[in-house]
Amino acid sequence: MENRKFNREKLINYWIESSDDDFDTMIDMFNSKRYSWSLFIGHLMLEKLLKAFYVKAKSDYPPYIHNLLRLAELAELKFDDIKKEQLVTITAFNINSRYDDYKMSFKQKCTPGFTSEWIENIKKMREWIKLLIRQ
């Protein structure tokens, strides 16, 4: 994709603000015990932050993809194997919550403990990406 003229800061802020709104929704879904949906929204929230980082890093519009690892790689984000595995797992929350053939087994997997652990991982990932965007 070639670089086009656009307001880079405005686009970064758009993705961050939308992500912040999704963060609140993720917490609300968790508190209302809609665990699989809270993880689905957590994926969306991180996707939007990665798109903000992509805009910052590449001065271009982010690609139309939902794979968090691929998005991070395209943005040339540097991360360790633990973060890589987390991005892969969190991407699966998008697929597992969206498609009926996975939805029921994923819902059963989303116990309060499992979901709480992944919400914490998502929160840490959020803070890390936001820090990188601000640098």
Protein backbone atom coordinates (compact mmCIF):
# COMPACT_ATOMS: atom_id res chain seq x y z
CA MET A 1 0.00 0.00 0.00
CA GLU A 2 1.51 3.33 -0.93
CA ASN A 3 1.66 6.15 1.57
CA ARG A 4 -1.14 8.62 1.07
CA LYS A 5 -1.68 12.04 2.52
CA PHE A 6 -3.80 11.88 5.64
CA ASN A 7 -3.83 13.26 9.16
CA ARG A 8 -1.64 10.68 10.85
CA GLU A 9 -2.26 11.87 14.43
CA LYS A 10 -6.01 12.01 13.91
CA LEU A 11 -6.05 8.44 12.60
CA ILE A 12 -3.87 7.20 15.49
CA ASN A 13 -6.19 8.92 17.98
CA TYR A 14 -9.23 7.40 16.26
CA TRP A 15 -7.87 3.88 16.75
CA ILE A 16 -6.83 4.59 20.35
CA GLU A 17 -10.18 6.13 21.32
CA SER A 18 -12.10 3.28 19.71
CA SER A 19 -9.85 0.81 21.52
CA ASP A 20 -10.43 2.58 24.85
CA ASP A 21 -14.18 2.27 24.33
CA ASP A 22 -13.76 -1.45 23.60
CA PHE A 23 -11.67 -1.80 26.78
CA ASP A 24 -14.62 -0.53 28.83
CA THR A 25 -16.93 -2.92 26.98
CA MET A 26 -14.57 -5.83 27.62
CA ILE A 27 -14.66 -5.08 31.37
CA ASP A 28 -18.45 -4.70 31.32
CA MET A 29 -18.83 -8.05 29.52
CA PHE A 30 -16.54 -9.71 32.06
CA ASN A 31 -18.42 -8.20 35.02
CA SER A 32 -21.73 -9.38 33.56
CA LYS A 33 -20.26 -12.90 33.23
CA ARG A 34 -20.35 -12.90 29.44
CA TYR A 35 -16.88 -14.34 29.41
CA SER A 36 -16.49 -15.42 25.79
CA TRP A 37 -17.71 -12.02 24.62
CA SER A 38 -15.32 -10.22 26.94
CA LEU A 39 -12.41 -12.06 25.31
CA PHE A 40 -13.80 -11.37 21.84
CA ILE A 41 -13.95 -7.65 22.63
CA GLY A 42 -10.45 -7.88 24.14
CA HIS A 43 -9.22 -9.10 20.76
CA LEU A 44 -10.91 -6.17 18.99
CA MET A 45 -9.43 -3.74 21.48
CA LEU A 46 -5.88 -4.98 20.88
CA GLU A 47 -6.43 -5.09 17.14
CA LYS A 48 -7.30 -1.40 17.16
CA LEU A 49 -4.23 -0.53 19.24
CA LEU A 50 -2.03 -2.49 16.87
CA LYS A 51 -3.59 -0.57 13.99
CA ALA A 52 -2.75 2.69 15.78
CA PHE A 53 0.81 1.46 16.19
CA TYR A 54 0.90 0.47 12.51
CA VAL A 55 -0.16 3.99 11.48
CA LYS A 56 2.54 5.46 13.70
CA ALA A 57 5.24 3.10 12.46
CA LYS A 58 4.36 3.07 8.76
CA SER A 59 2.63 6.42 8.20
CA ASP A 60 0.01 4.55 6.24
CA TYR A 61 -3.44 3.09 6.68
CA PRO A 62 -3.43 -0.28 8.47
CA PRO A 63 -4.27 -3.44 6.54
CA TYR A 64 -7.75 -4.95 6.71
CA ILE A 65 -6.75 -7.97 8.78
CA HIS A 66 -7.69 -9.33 12.19
CA ASN A 67 -4.68 -11.57 12.87
CA LEU A 68 -2.88 -9.82 15.72
CA LEU A 69 0.48 -11.50 15.16
CA ARG A 70 0.46 -10.69 11.46
CA LEU A 71 -0.57 -7.10 12.15
CA ALA A 72 2.27 -6.73 14.69
CA GLU A 73 4.75 -8.23 12.24
CA LEU A 74 3.64 -5.92 9.42
CA ALA A 75 4.10 -2.96 11.78
CA GLU A 76 7.60 -4.31 12.54
CA LEU A 77 6.78 -4.46 16.24
CA LYS A 78 9.49 -6.20 18.25
CA PHE A 79 8.29 -8.77 20.76
CA ASP A 80 9.40 -11.93 22.55
CA ASP A 81 8.07 -15.48 22.19
CA ILE A 82 5.66 -15.06 25.11
CA LYS A 83 3.97 -12.07 23.50
CA LYS A 84 3.95 -13.93 20.18
CA GLU A 85 2.10 -16.86 21.76
CA GLN A 86 -0.32 -14.50 23.49
CA LEU A 87 -1.11 -12.71 20.21
CA VAL A 88 -1.82 -16.06 18.55
CA THR A 89 -4.09 -17.16 21.42
CA ILE A 90 -5.95 -13.84 21.57
CA THR A 91 -6.51 -13.94 17.80
CA ALA A 92 -8.23 -17.30 18.33
CA PHE A 93 -10.72 -15.58 20.66
CA ASN A 94 -11.98 -13.68 17.62
CA ILE A 95 -12.55 -16.85 15.60
CA ASN A 96 -13.90 -18.94 18.47
CA SER A 97 -16.47 -16.32 19.48
CA ARG A 98 -17.62 -15.58 15.98
CA TYR A 99 -18.28 -18.92 14.30
CA ASP A 100 -21.04 -21.24 15.47
CA ASP A 101 -19.04 -24.44 15.08
CA TYR A 102 -16.48 -23.15 17.62
CA LYS A 103 -18.72 -20.97 19.76
CA MET A 104 -20.15 -23.58 22.15
CA SER A 105 -16.85 -25.29 22.96
CA PHE A 106 -15.19 -21.89 23.41
CA LYS A 107 -17.97 -20.77 25.76
CA GLN A 108 -17.38 -23.85 27.89
CA LYS A 109 -13.65 -23.11 27.99
CA CYS A 110 -14.29 -19.54 29.19
CA THR A 111 -14.56 -20.24 32.89
CA PRO A 112 -14.22 -17.32 35.29
CA GLY A 113 -10.62 -18.37 36.02
CA PHE A 114 -9.57 -18.82 32.37
CA THR A 115 -11.20 -15.56 31.35
CA SER A 116 -9.78 -13.62 34.29
CA GLU A 117 -6.26 -14.83 33.45
CA TRP A 118 -6.62 -13.80 29.80
CA ILE A 119 -8.19 -10.45 30.67
CA GLU A 120 -5.07 -9.73 32.74
CA ASN A 121 -2.84 -10.75 29.81
CA ILE A 122 -4.86 -8.51 27.50
CA LYS A 123 -4.59 -5.58 29.93
CA LYS A 124 -0.80 -5.96 30.10
CA MET A 125 -0.58 -6.19 26.31
CA ARG A 126 -2.74 -3.06 26.05
CA GLU A 127 -0.44 -1.07 28.34
CA TRP A 128 2.65 -2.27 26.45
CA ILE A 129 1.25 -1.27 23.04
CA LYS A 130 0.01 2.09 24.34
CA LEU A 131 3.48 2.80 25.73
CA LEU A 132 5.01 2.04 22.33
CA ILE A 133 2.52 4.33 20.59
CA ARG A 134 3.42 7.20 22.95
CA GLN A 135 7.18 6.81 22.35
